[in-house]
């Protein structure tokens, strides 16, 4: 049985809430959260959902509905100077997010150093991207993976993002960082990786979106995935 599952009773899954075009995003999110809140480890919200909302209050309602779950991740993949990223994270934290994804390629000085200090001050979690799940990641980002890991560790990242679509990268990262950071892995389902692939390679959490959220019965789909972790 995978780590973290037996003790907590929750799956090591973070559900990515990216609604399809044309639905009521609040109702869509509420339905999925109501159906899965007690069995997943967290949720991730990105720019598509935020842009679909008519009012800031709606974002607060959605994140508020996640209370009780371990991770409420704002995934804007921030990549800017430190002051700008801090100003964005400050606003997002006000909606109830407790973890924030940033890119590692922006470097430490004047960027991740300031983000790290601020995230620590609000008792939140910094998650740094060091590789991505699409094939284009191997063109540039993956060539400097070691440097990106150094930056992520220097910034005191709670977690790093590494792809389920290339489990060899996860194994390499885990062998290098040990248990110092959590590994969160996207790419499950539509992008081709099978559920449990990343966990078995050494990840702590799998990020799953459309495989679950576009299912007719998200809870049933998650429970079917659970059997792969045993």
Protein backbone atom coordinates (compact mmCIF):
# COMPACT_ATOMS: atom_id res chain seq x y z
CA UNK A 1 0.00 0.00 0.00
CA UNK A 2 1.30 3.46 -0.85
CA UNK A 3 2.70 5.79 1.76
CA UNK A 4 0.20 8.19 3.26
CA UNK A 5 -2.82 6.15 2.31
CA UNK A 6 -3.11 3.57 5.05
CA UNK A 7 -2.76 6.05 7.90
CA UNK A 8 -4.83 8.97 6.65
CA UNK A 9 -7.53 7.14 4.76
CA UNK A 10 -7.07 9.66 1.94
CA UNK A 11 -5.76 8.95 -1.51
CA UNK A 12 -2.45 10.60 -2.48
CA UNK A 13 -4.35 12.49 -5.17
CA UNK A 14 -4.71 16.20 -5.81
CA UNK A 15 -7.68 16.91 -8.08
CA UNK A 16 -7.06 19.62 -10.68
CA UNK A 17 -10.22 21.70 -11.01
CA UNK A 18 -10.20 22.96 -14.60
CA UNK A 19 -13.83 23.20 -15.76
CA UNK A 20 -14.88 22.67 -19.37
CA UNK A 21 -16.10 25.69 -21.30
CA UNK A 22 -19.80 26.41 -21.02
CA UNK A 23 -20.54 25.09 -17.53
CA UNK A 24 -21.33 27.06 -14.39
CA UNK A 25 -17.86 26.91 -12.80
CA UNK A 26 -19.08 27.30 -9.22
CA UNK A 27 -21.70 24.56 -9.47
CA UNK A 28 -19.22 22.35 -11.34
CA UNK A 29 -16.60 22.73 -8.60
CA UNK A 30 -19.09 22.29 -5.79
CA UNK A 31 -20.33 19.02 -7.28
CA UNK A 32 -16.85 17.56 -7.55
CA UNK A 33 -15.71 18.78 -4.14
CA UNK A 34 -18.87 17.48 -2.43
CA UNK A 35 -18.31 14.12 -4.10
CA UNK A 36 -14.62 13.74 -3.25
CA UNK A 37 -13.68 15.91 -0.27
CA UNK A 38 -13.30 13.06 2.21
CA UNK A 39 -11.05 10.85 0.09
CA UNK A 40 -8.54 13.12 -1.67
CA UNK A 41 -5.50 14.96 -0.31
CA UNK A 42 -6.20 18.27 -1.98
CA UNK A 43 -7.34 20.34 -4.91
CA UNK A 44 -5.51 22.53 -7.40
CA UNK A 45 -7.00 25.61 -9.07
CA UNK A 46 -5.40 27.22 -12.09
CA UNK A 47 -5.97 30.24 -14.28
CA UNK A 48 -8.74 28.70 -16.45
CA UNK A 49 -11.11 28.43 -13.49
CA UNK A 50 -10.20 31.84 -12.13
CA UNK A 51 -10.91 33.44 -15.51
CA UNK A 52 -14.27 31.67 -15.70
CA UNK A 53 -15.48 33.27 -12.46
CA UNK A 54 -17.58 36.41 -12.58
CA UNK A 55 -16.78 37.55 -9.04
CA UNK A 56 -13.87 37.28 -6.62
CA UNK A 57 -16.38 36.11 -4.01
CA UNK A 58 -16.98 32.98 -6.07
CA UNK A 59 -13.32 31.98 -5.77
CA UNK A 60 -13.51 32.46 -2.02
CA UNK A 61 -16.61 30.23 -1.91
CA UNK A 62 -14.92 27.47 -3.89
CA UNK A 63 -11.73 27.48 -1.83
CA UNK A 64 -13.78 27.75 1.36
CA UNK A 65 -15.64 24.59 0.40
CA UNK A 66 -12.30 22.75 0.44
CA UNK A 67 -11.74 23.43 4.14
CA UNK A 68 -10.70 20.27 5.91
CA UNK A 69 -8.58 19.02 3.02
CA UNK A 70 -4.78 19.09 3.38
CA UNK A 71 -3.80 21.01 0.25
CA UNK A 72 -5.54 23.96 -1.41
CA UNK A 73 -3.15 24.81 -4.21
CA UNK A 74 -3.11 27.95 -6.34
CA UNK A 75 -1.46 26.94 -9.59
CA UNK A 76 -0.58 30.05 -11.58
CA UNK A 77 2.97 28.79 -12.16
CA UNK A 78 4.30 32.17 -11.15
CA UNK A 79 7.45 33.37 -12.91
CA UNK A 80 8.27 36.98 -12.13
CA UNK A 81 10.36 39.11 -9.83
CA UNK A 82 9.89 38.51 -6.13
CA UNK A 83 7.81 41.58 -5.29
CA UNK A 84 5.25 40.83 -7.99
CA UNK A 85 4.93 37.17 -6.98
CA UNK A 86 4.54 38.09 -3.32
CA UNK A 87 1.78 40.56 -4.19
CA UNK A 88 -0.06 37.83 -6.12
CA UNK A 89 0.39 35.22 -3.39
CA UNK A 90 -0.83 37.69 -0.76
CA UNK A 91 -4.08 38.09 -2.67
CA UNK A 92 -4.47 34.36 -3.29
CA UNK A 93 -3.83 33.54 0.35
CA UNK A 94 -6.69 35.85 1.22
CA UNK A 95 -9.03 33.54 -0.68
CA UNK A 96 -7.94 30.58 1.44
CA UNK A 97 -5.18 28.93 -0.59
CA UNK A 98 -2.39 27.40 1.49
CA UNK A 99 0.07 26.31 -1.23
CA UNK A 100 1.45 28.09 -4.28
CA UNK A 101 3.17 26.82 -7.43
CA UNK A 102 6.03 28.83 -8.91
CA UNK A 103 8.60 28.17 -11.64
CA UNK A 104 12.16 27.36 -10.64
CA UNK A 105 13.82 28.81 -13.75
CA UNK A 106 13.39 32.37 -12.45
CA UNK A 107 16.20 31.72 -9.96
CA UNK A 108 16.69 32.49 -6.30
CA UNK A 109 18.04 36.00 -5.84
CA UNK A 110 15.36 38.64 -6.18
CA UNK A 111 12.73 36.02 -6.94
CA UNK A 112 12.33 32.77 -5.00
CA UNK A 113 14.16 34.14 -1.97
CA UNK A 114 11.43 36.71 -1.40
CA UNK A 115 8.64 34.28 -2.18
CA UNK A 116 10.10 31.75 0.24
CA UNK A 117 10.32 34.29 3.05
CA UNK A 118 6.77 35.45 2.51
CA UNK A 119 5.27 31.97 2.24
CA UNK A 120 7.04 31.02 5.48
CA UNK A 121 5.61 34.10 7.19
CA UNK A 122 2.03 33.03 6.40
CA UNK A 123 2.65 29.36 7.22
CA UNK A 124 1.93 28.25 3.66
CA UNK A 125 3.69 25.89 1.26
CA UNK A 126 5.96 26.73 -1.66
CA UNK A 127 5.87 24.27 -4.58
CA UNK A 128 8.46 24.71 -7.33
CA UNK A 129 8.27 23.40 -10.88
CA UNK A 130 11.48 21.63 -11.96
CA UNK A 131 10.06 19.60 -14.88
CA UNK A 132 6.76 19.46 -16.73
CA UNK A 133 4.55 16.69 -18.08
CA UNK A 134 4.48 17.67 -21.77
CA UNK A 135 7.14 16.48 -24.22
CA UNK A 136 8.45 20.01 -24.78
CA UNK A 137 9.84 20.03 -21.24
CA UNK A 138 12.69 17.84 -22.51
CA UNK A 139 13.72 20.54 -25.01
CA UNK A 140 14.90 23.10 -22.46
CA UNK A 141 13.76 22.72 -18.85
CA UNK A 142 14.93 19.15 -18.33
CA UNK A 143 18.44 20.06 -19.51
CA UNK A 144 18.89 22.21 -16.40
CA UNK A 145 16.99 19.94 -14.01
CA UNK A 146 19.90 19.71 -11.58
CA UNK A 147 20.16 23.50 -11.37
CA UNK A 148 16.43 23.84 -10.88
CA UNK A 149 16.54 21.32 -8.05
CA UNK A 150 19.32 23.31 -6.41
CA UNK A 151 17.19 26.46 -6.61
CA UNK A 152 14.12 24.68 -5.24
CA UNK A 153 16.04 23.27 -2.30
CA UNK A 154 17.77 26.57 -1.58
CA UNK A 155 14.35 28.24 -1.47
CA UNK A 156 13.18 25.71 1.09
CA UNK A 157 10.42 24.43 -1.16
CA UNK A 158 7.91 22.19 0.58
CA UNK A 159 7.26 20.44 -2.72
CA UNK A 160 8.43 20.15 -6.29
CA UNK A 161 6.54 19.35 -9.49
CA UNK A 162 7.88 16.48 -11.59
CA UNK A 163 6.10 14.58 -14.38
CA UNK A 164 4.24 11.29 -14.09
CA UNK A 165 4.75 10.97 -17.84
CA UNK A 166 8.48 10.46 -17.28
CA UNK A 167 8.83 8.37 -14.11
CA UNK A 168 12.58 8.11 -14.56
CA UNK A 169 12.79 11.81 -13.70
CA UNK A 170 10.83 11.21 -10.50
CA UNK A 171 13.14 8.35 -9.53
CA UNK A 172 16.20 10.51 -10.17
CA UNK A 173 14.84 13.39 -8.12
CA UNK A 174 13.86 11.15 -5.24
CA UNK A 175 17.29 9.56 -5.13
CA UNK A 176 18.83 13.02 -4.95
CA UNK A 177 16.54 14.82 -2.50
CA UNK A 178 15.53 11.91 -0.26
CA UNK A 179 12.65 12.90 1.99
CA UNK A 180 13.49 16.59 2.13
CA UNK A 181 10.68 17.64 -0.20
CA UNK A 182 7.39 16.30 -1.48
CA UNK A 183 7.05 15.37 -5.14
CA UNK A 184 3.77 16.24 -6.88
CA UNK A 185 3.26 14.68 -10.30
CA UNK A 186 0.89 15.80 -13.08
CA UNK A 187 0.28 14.02 -16.37
CA UNK A 188 -2.02 11.24 -15.17
CA UNK A 189 -4.83 10.22 -17.53
CA UNK A 190 -5.27 12.36 -20.63
CA UNK A 191 -1.53 13.01 -21.00
CA UNK A 192 -0.83 9.31 -20.93
CA UNK A 193 0.45 8.26 -17.52
CA UNK A 194 -1.46 5.56 -15.67
CA UNK A 195 -2.63 6.27 -12.11
CA UNK A 196 -0.09 5.00 -9.56
CA UNK A 197 2.81 5.38 -12.03
CA UNK A 198 4.25 8.41 -10.24
CA UNK A 199 3.65 7.07 -6.74
CA UNK A 200 5.46 3.84 -7.56
CA UNK A 201 8.37 5.88 -8.96
CA UNK A 202 8.69 7.82 -5.70
CA UNK A 203 6.20 10.71 -5.84
CA UNK A 204 4.12 11.68 -2.83
CA UNK A 205 1.06 12.93 -4.72
CA UNK A 206 -0.43 12.50 -8.17
CA UNK A 207 -2.23 15.46 -9.72
CA UNK A 208 -5.23 14.20 -11.67
CA UNK A 209 -7.63 16.39 -13.60
CA UNK A 210 -9.85 15.35 -16.48
CA UNK A 211 -9.67 11.62 -15.78
CA UNK A 212 -11.61 12.37 -12.59
CA UNK A 213 -13.41 15.66 -13.25
CA UNK A 214 -14.84 14.70 -16.65
CA UNK A 215 -15.98 11.33 -15.32
CA UNK A 216 -19.72 10.78 -14.92
CA UNK A 217 -19.00 9.67 -11.36
CA UNK A 218 -15.79 11.27 -9.99
CA UNK A 219 -16.01 9.44 -6.67
CA UNK A 220 -16.39 6.05 -8.32
CA UNK A 221 -13.43 6.81 -10.57
CA UNK A 222 -11.28 7.71 -7.57
CA UNK A 223 -12.27 4.55 -5.75
CA UNK A 224 -11.34 2.52 -8.82
CA UNK A 225 -7.96 4.27 -8.89
CA UNK A 226 -7.51 3.46 -5.20
CA UNK A 227 -7.19 -0.23 -6.02
CA UNK A 228 -4.09 0.55 -8.11
CA UNK A 229 -2.33 1.93 -5.02
CA UNK A 230 -2.72 -1.23 -2.95
